[in-house]
Amino acid sequence: MTHVKTGARYLLLTVVAVLLLFPILLGIWASLLPTKDIAAGNFLSTNISLNNYWQAFVTTPIIRYMINSFVTAGLITIGQLVLCTLAAYAFAFMNFRYKKQLFFAFLVTMMLPFEAEIIPNFQTVKAFGWLNNYAGLTIPFFTSAFGVFMLRQAFLQIPTDLVDFGKYLGLSRLQFLWKIAVPYSRSMMITFALYTFLTHWNQYLWPLITTFTDDFRPVQVGLKQLQSEDTFANWGMVMATAIIVLLPTLILLLIGQKFFKRNLNAGGTKG
């Protein structure tokens, strides 16, 4: 009976995996086919080649879009790691007036939908002259209430003995943070960095309203832009471009899956 249950469970997981992977596999296969075969619905064609990928790199600014996304997501990830780590350390180890109230205020901001912040953020960015600029794409996201909460919970899991040991060695607050807190919470910080990078790699709405030229458009907005140009009818090339954009996400997920699993519930183990 146990073997039957195990077999049924694996069968169900296999079916779910196939359903989830089918769109990706279909997209990869379509990116290898000529547009005429895709338009005719002939997905069983054996006339496959990498010509669509070559056309994507040669006839579209996909490389520029990807550079913009790497720069934007990378700067935001670095900014959030630095600022959220400092704020999380303060909430975890320092004592000051209204500490609990301020932390609660941080958590309340997590309940606000991003759409509610767009107008004031856009007006602020416009006032600073940061439209169509890396500054406007990155600086508004240099901190995150979720990141502060996540890293605070990680710091609270540091054993008291380690904290006392740091005091015994006479470490300053920054030395304790760098030499003890950060190494001990490295797994959680890597998880947070991957999550942040992937979130802003896939961001669409904010770049859509703050960028106007290919010099600063990220990949998600760039893909939409391709649909309004002459390349719209070239479905093979469009699919190839989409797969190129998807690859960094898949690679990071494969690299970071062990960290995601390890820290799935870590944030709620200690308050």
Protein backbone atom coordinates (compact mmCIF):
# COMPACT_ATOMS: atom_id res chain seq x y z
CA MET A 1 0.00 0.00 0.00
CA THR A 2 2.88 2.33 0.85
CA HIS A 3 4.45 1.75 -2.58
CA VAL A 4 1.12 2.57 -4.26
CA LYS A 5 0.85 5.85 -2.36
CA THR A 6 4.45 6.73 -3.18
CA GLY A 7 3.92 5.89 -6.85
CA ALA A 8 0.74 7.96 -7.00
CA ARG A 9 2.51 10.89 -5.35
CA TYR A 10 5.38 10.81 -7.82
CA LEU A 11 2.94 10.46 -10.71
CA LEU A 12 1.05 13.53 -9.54
CA LEU A 13 4.30 15.49 -9.12
CA THR A 14 5.39 14.44 -12.61
CA VAL A 15 2.11 15.61 -14.14
CA VAL A 16 2.35 18.96 -12.32
CA ALA A 17 5.99 19.37 -13.40
CA VAL A 18 5.10 18.68 -17.03
CA LEU A 19 2.23 21.20 -16.90
CA LEU A 20 4.51 23.85 -15.40
CA LEU A 21 7.41 23.21 -17.78
CA PHE A 22 5.33 22.80 -20.94
CA PRO A 23 5.05 26.56 -21.75
CA ILE A 24 8.81 26.99 -21.32
CA LEU A 25 9.64 23.93 -23.42
CA LEU A 26 7.17 25.05 -26.08
CA GLY A 27 8.76 28.50 -26.11
CA ILE A 28 12.25 27.04 -26.49
CA TRP A 29 11.08 24.79 -29.33
CA ALA A 30 9.25 27.66 -31.07
CA SER A 31 12.37 29.84 -30.83
CA LEU A 32 14.18 27.29 -33.00
CA LEU A 33 11.51 27.21 -35.73
CA PRO A 34 11.06 29.56 -38.70
CA THR A 35 8.28 32.11 -38.32
CA LYS A 36 6.38 30.65 -41.26
CA ASP A 37 6.10 27.28 -39.49
CA ILE A 38 4.91 28.96 -36.28
CA ALA A 39 2.30 30.99 -38.19
CA ALA A 40 1.07 27.81 -39.89
CA GLY A 41 0.84 26.00 -36.56
CA ASN A 42 3.41 23.46 -37.70
CA PHE A 43 5.15 22.95 -34.36
CA LEU A 44 6.23 19.45 -35.35
CA SER A 45 8.52 20.84 -38.05
CA THR A 46 12.10 19.55 -38.02
CA ASN A 47 13.40 22.68 -39.73
CA ILE A 48 15.15 23.94 -36.61
CA SER A 49 18.11 26.32 -36.35
CA LEU A 50 19.63 29.04 -34.17
CA ASN A 51 18.92 31.69 -36.80
CA ASN A 52 16.26 33.37 -34.63
CA TYR A 53 18.80 33.89 -31.85
CA TRP A 54 21.28 35.37 -34.30
CA GLN A 55 18.62 37.74 -35.63
CA ALA A 56 17.65 38.72 -32.07
CA PHE A 57 21.21 39.80 -31.26
CA VAL A 58 21.77 41.49 -34.63
CA THR A 59 18.47 43.27 -35.32
CA THR A 60 17.21 44.16 -31.81
CA PRO A 61 18.79 46.07 -28.90
CA ILE A 62 18.39 43.02 -26.64
CA ILE A 63 22.00 43.26 -25.41
CA ARG A 64 21.42 46.87 -24.36
CA TYR A 65 18.19 45.89 -22.62
CA MET A 66 19.98 43.14 -20.70
CA ILE A 67 22.82 45.44 -19.66
CA ASN A 68 20.25 47.92 -18.37
CA SER A 69 18.50 45.19 -16.38
CA PHE A 70 21.77 43.86 -14.94
CA VAL A 71 22.84 47.36 -13.90
CA THR A 72 19.45 48.24 -12.42
CA ALA A 73 18.83 44.95 -10.58
CA GLY A 74 22.47 44.77 -9.45
CA LEU A 75 22.54 48.29 -8.00
CA ILE A 76 19.21 47.77 -6.22
CA THR A 77 20.43 44.46 -4.77
CA ILE A 78 23.63 46.04 -3.45
CA GLY A 79 21.75 49.03 -2.08
CA GLN A 80 19.19 46.90 -0.28
CA LEU A 81 21.82 44.57 1.15
CA VAL A 82 23.76 47.48 2.65
CA LEU A 83 20.88 49.59 3.95
CA CYS A 84 18.62 46.71 5.05
CA THR A 85 21.52 45.06 6.86
CA LEU A 86 22.28 48.24 8.81
CA ALA A 87 18.62 48.80 9.68
CA ALA A 88 18.12 45.15 10.64
CA TYR A 89 21.17 45.29 12.93
CA ALA A 90 19.76 48.38 14.66
CA PHE A 91 16.38 46.74 15.25
CA ALA A 92 17.96 43.47 16.41
CA PHE A 93 20.77 44.60 18.73
CA MET A 94 20.43 48.30 19.58
CA ASN A 95 18.16 49.81 22.19
CA PHE A 96 16.58 53.20 21.50
CA ARG A 97 13.32 55.00 22.15
CA TYR A 98 10.27 53.90 20.18
CA LYS A 99 12.16 50.95 18.75
CA LYS A 100 9.10 48.68 18.65
CA GLN A 101 6.88 51.43 17.28
CA LEU A 102 9.32 52.23 14.48
CA PHE A 103 9.66 48.58 13.56
CA PHE A 104 5.88 48.26 13.48
CA ALA A 105 5.76 51.28 11.17
CA PHE A 106 8.24 49.48 8.88
CA LEU A 107 5.97 46.44 8.79
CA VAL A 108 2.89 48.55 8.04
CA THR A 109 4.53 49.84 4.84
CA MET A 110 4.62 46.24 3.58
CA MET A 111 0.81 46.34 3.46
CA LEU A 112 0.79 49.23 0.97
CA PRO A 113 0.46 48.08 -2.65
CA PHE A 114 3.20 49.33 -4.94
CA GLU A 115 0.60 50.99 -7.16
CA ALA A 116 -0.31 53.33 -4.28
CA GLU A 117 3.28 54.61 -4.19
CA ILE A 118 3.72 55.22 -7.91
CA ILE A 119 2.37 58.79 -8.12
CA PRO A 120 4.38 60.28 -5.21
CA ASN A 121 7.49 58.36 -6.28
CA PHE A 122 7.09 59.52 -9.88
CA GLN A 123 6.66 63.15 -8.79
CA THR A 124 9.75 62.92 -6.60
CA VAL A 125 11.87 61.34 -9.34
CA LYS A 126 10.65 63.92 -11.84
CA ALA A 127 11.49 66.78 -9.45
CA PHE A 128 15.07 65.47 -9.12
CA GLY A 129 15.41 65.12 -12.89
CA TRP A 130 15.89 61.36 -12.69
CA LEU A 131 13.43 60.31 -15.38
CA ASN A 132 14.98 58.12 -18.08
CA ASN A 133 18.00 57.62 -15.84
CA TYR A 134 19.54 54.83 -13.78
CA ALA A 135 19.03 56.95 -10.66
CA GLY A 136 15.28 57.00 -11.15
CA LEU A 137 15.23 53.25 -11.77
CA THR A 138 17.26 52.32 -8.70
CA ILE A 139 17.32 54.86 -5.84
CA PRO A 140 13.59 54.60 -4.96
CA PHE A 141 14.18 50.88 -4.27
CA PHE A 142 17.39 51.10 -2.24
CA THR A 143 15.59 49.96 0.90
CA SER A 144 12.89 47.42 1.64
CA ALA A 145 10.73 46.85 4.70
CA PHE A 146 10.61 43.16 3.81
CA GLY A 147 14.41 43.05 3.67
CA VAL A 148 14.73 44.72 7.06
CA PHE A 149 12.26 42.27 8.57
CA MET A 150 13.91 39.24 6.95
CA LEU A 151 17.45 40.15 8.01
CA ARG A 152 16.36 41.20 11.50
CA GLN A 153 14.87 37.76 12.02
CA ALA A 154 18.14 36.23 10.81
CA PHE A 155 20.19 38.35 13.25
CA LEU A 156 17.89 37.43 16.12
CA GLN A 157 18.86 33.78 15.58
CA ILE A 158 22.51 34.52 16.43
CA PRO A 159 23.29 32.73 19.73
CA THR A 160 23.66 34.95 22.79
CA ASP A 161 27.10 33.43 23.39
CA LEU A 162 28.34 34.87 20.11
CA VAL A 163 26.98 38.30 21.01
CA ASP A 164 28.69 38.13 24.39
CA PHE A 165 31.89 36.93 22.74
CA GLY A 166 31.87 39.95 20.46
CA LYS A 167 31.51 42.24 23.47
CA TYR A 168 34.34 40.41 25.25
CA LEU A 169 36.62 41.02 22.26
CA GLY A 170 35.73 44.70 22.36
CA LEU A 171 34.32 44.73 18.85
CA SER A 172 32.59 47.90 17.72
CA ARG A 173 29.07 47.64 16.35
CA LEU A 174 30.28 47.68 12.75
CA GLN A 175 33.00 45.14 13.52
CA PHE A 176 30.48 42.83 15.17
CA LEU A 177 28.17 43.24 12.18
CA TRP A 178 30.90 42.49 9.65
CA LYS A 179 32.83 39.76 11.49
CA ILE A 180 30.03 37.88 13.28
CA ALA A 181 26.48 38.84 12.25
CA VAL A 182 26.97 38.86 8.47
CA PRO A 183 28.96 35.58 8.24
CA TYR A 184 26.52 33.82 10.56
CA SER A 185 23.54 35.01 8.47
CA ARG A 186 25.24 34.52 5.09
CA SER A 187 22.71 31.98 3.85
CA MET A 188 19.77 34.27 4.59
CA MET A 189 21.54 37.23 3.00
CA ILE A 190 22.23 35.26 -0.19
CA THR A 191 18.56 34.27 -0.30
CA PHE A 192 17.52 37.89 0.11
CA ALA A 193 19.97 39.04 -2.57
CA LEU A 194 18.67 36.48 -5.07
CA TYR A 195 15.08 37.35 -4.28
CA THR A 196 15.78 41.08 -4.70
CA PHE A 197 17.66 40.63 -7.97
CA LEU A 198 14.97 38.43 -9.50
CA THR A 199 12.19 40.77 -8.35
CA HIS A 200 13.74 43.80 -10.01
CA TRP A 201 14.94 41.90 -13.07
CA ASN A 202 11.26 41.14 -13.75
CA GLN A 203 9.98 44.60 -12.82
CA TYR A 204 7.78 46.13 -15.50
CA LEU A 205 5.43 48.91 -14.38
CA TRP A 206 7.94 51.35 -12.86
CA PRO A 207 10.47 51.18 -15.75
CA LEU A 208 7.57 51.51 -18.19
CA ILE A 209 6.63 54.97 -16.90
CA THR A 210 10.13 56.27 -16.10
CA THR A 211 12.12 55.28 -19.22
CA PHE A 212 11.62 56.65 -22.71
CA THR A 213 14.62 55.43 -24.73
CA ASP A 214 16.47 52.16 -25.33
CA ASP A 215 19.46 53.61 -23.46
CA PHE A 216 17.74 52.84 -20.16
CA ARG A 217 14.90 50.42 -20.94
CA PRO A 218 15.23 47.06 -19.10
CA VAL A 219 14.43 43.74 -20.75
CA GLN A 220 10.79 43.44 -19.67
CA VAL A 221 9.86 46.82 -21.16
CA GLY A 222 12.14 46.11 -24.11
CA LEU A 223 10.24 42.94 -24.98
CA LYS A 224 6.99 44.89 -25.03
CA GLN A 225 8.65 47.53 -27.19
CA LEU A 226 9.61 44.89 -29.75
CA GLN A 227 5.92 44.07 -30.25
CA SER A 228 5.26 47.60 -31.50
CA GLU A 229 8.08 47.57 -34.02
CA ASP A 230 8.76 45.84 -37.34
CA THR A 231 9.84 42.68 -35.52
CA PHE A 232 6.31 42.05 -34.22
CA ALA A 233 5.46 39.61 -37.04
CA ASN A 234 8.70 37.67 -36.60
CA TRP A 235 7.42 35.31 -33.90
CA GLY A 236 10.46 33.04 -34.05
CA MET A 237 12.77 35.91 -33.21
CA VAL A 238 10.42 37.27 -30.55
CA MET A 239 10.36 33.85 -28.85
CA ALA A 240 14.16 33.64 -29.08
CA THR A 241 14.41 37.06 -27.41
CA ALA A 242 12.05 35.94 -24.64
CA ILE A 243 14.15 32.82 -23.99
CA ILE A 244 17.34 34.93 -23.85
CA VAL A 245 15.68 37.16 -21.24
CA LEU A 246 14.49 34.11 -19.28
CA LEU A 247 17.91 32.43 -19.05
CA PRO A 248 19.42 34.61 -16.26
CA THR A 249 16.32 33.99 -14.14
CA LEU A 250 16.53 30.21 -14.60
CA ILE A 251 20.26 30.18 -13.88
CA LEU A 252 19.85 32.15 -10.65
CA LEU A 253 16.96 29.95 -9.53
CA LEU A 254 19.05 26.82 -10.11
CA ILE A 255 21.99 28.30 -8.24
CA GLY A 256 19.94 29.61 -5.36
CA GLN A 257 17.33 26.88 -4.87
CA LYS A 258 19.18 25.34 -1.92
CA PHE A 259 19.22 28.73 -0.16
CA PHE A 260 15.51 29.26 -0.85
CA LYS A 261 14.70 25.84 0.62
CA ARG A 262 16.95 26.32 3.64
CA ASN A 263 15.47 29.68 4.57
CA LEU A 264 11.86 29.12 3.55
CA ASN A 265 10.56 29.36 7.10
CA ALA A 266 13.60 30.82 8.83
CA GLY A 267 12.08 34.28 9.12
CA GLY A 268 9.46 33.14 11.60
CA THR A 269 11.50 31.03 13.98
CA LYS A 270 12.30 33.77 16.44
CA GLY A 271 10.69 37.12 17.14
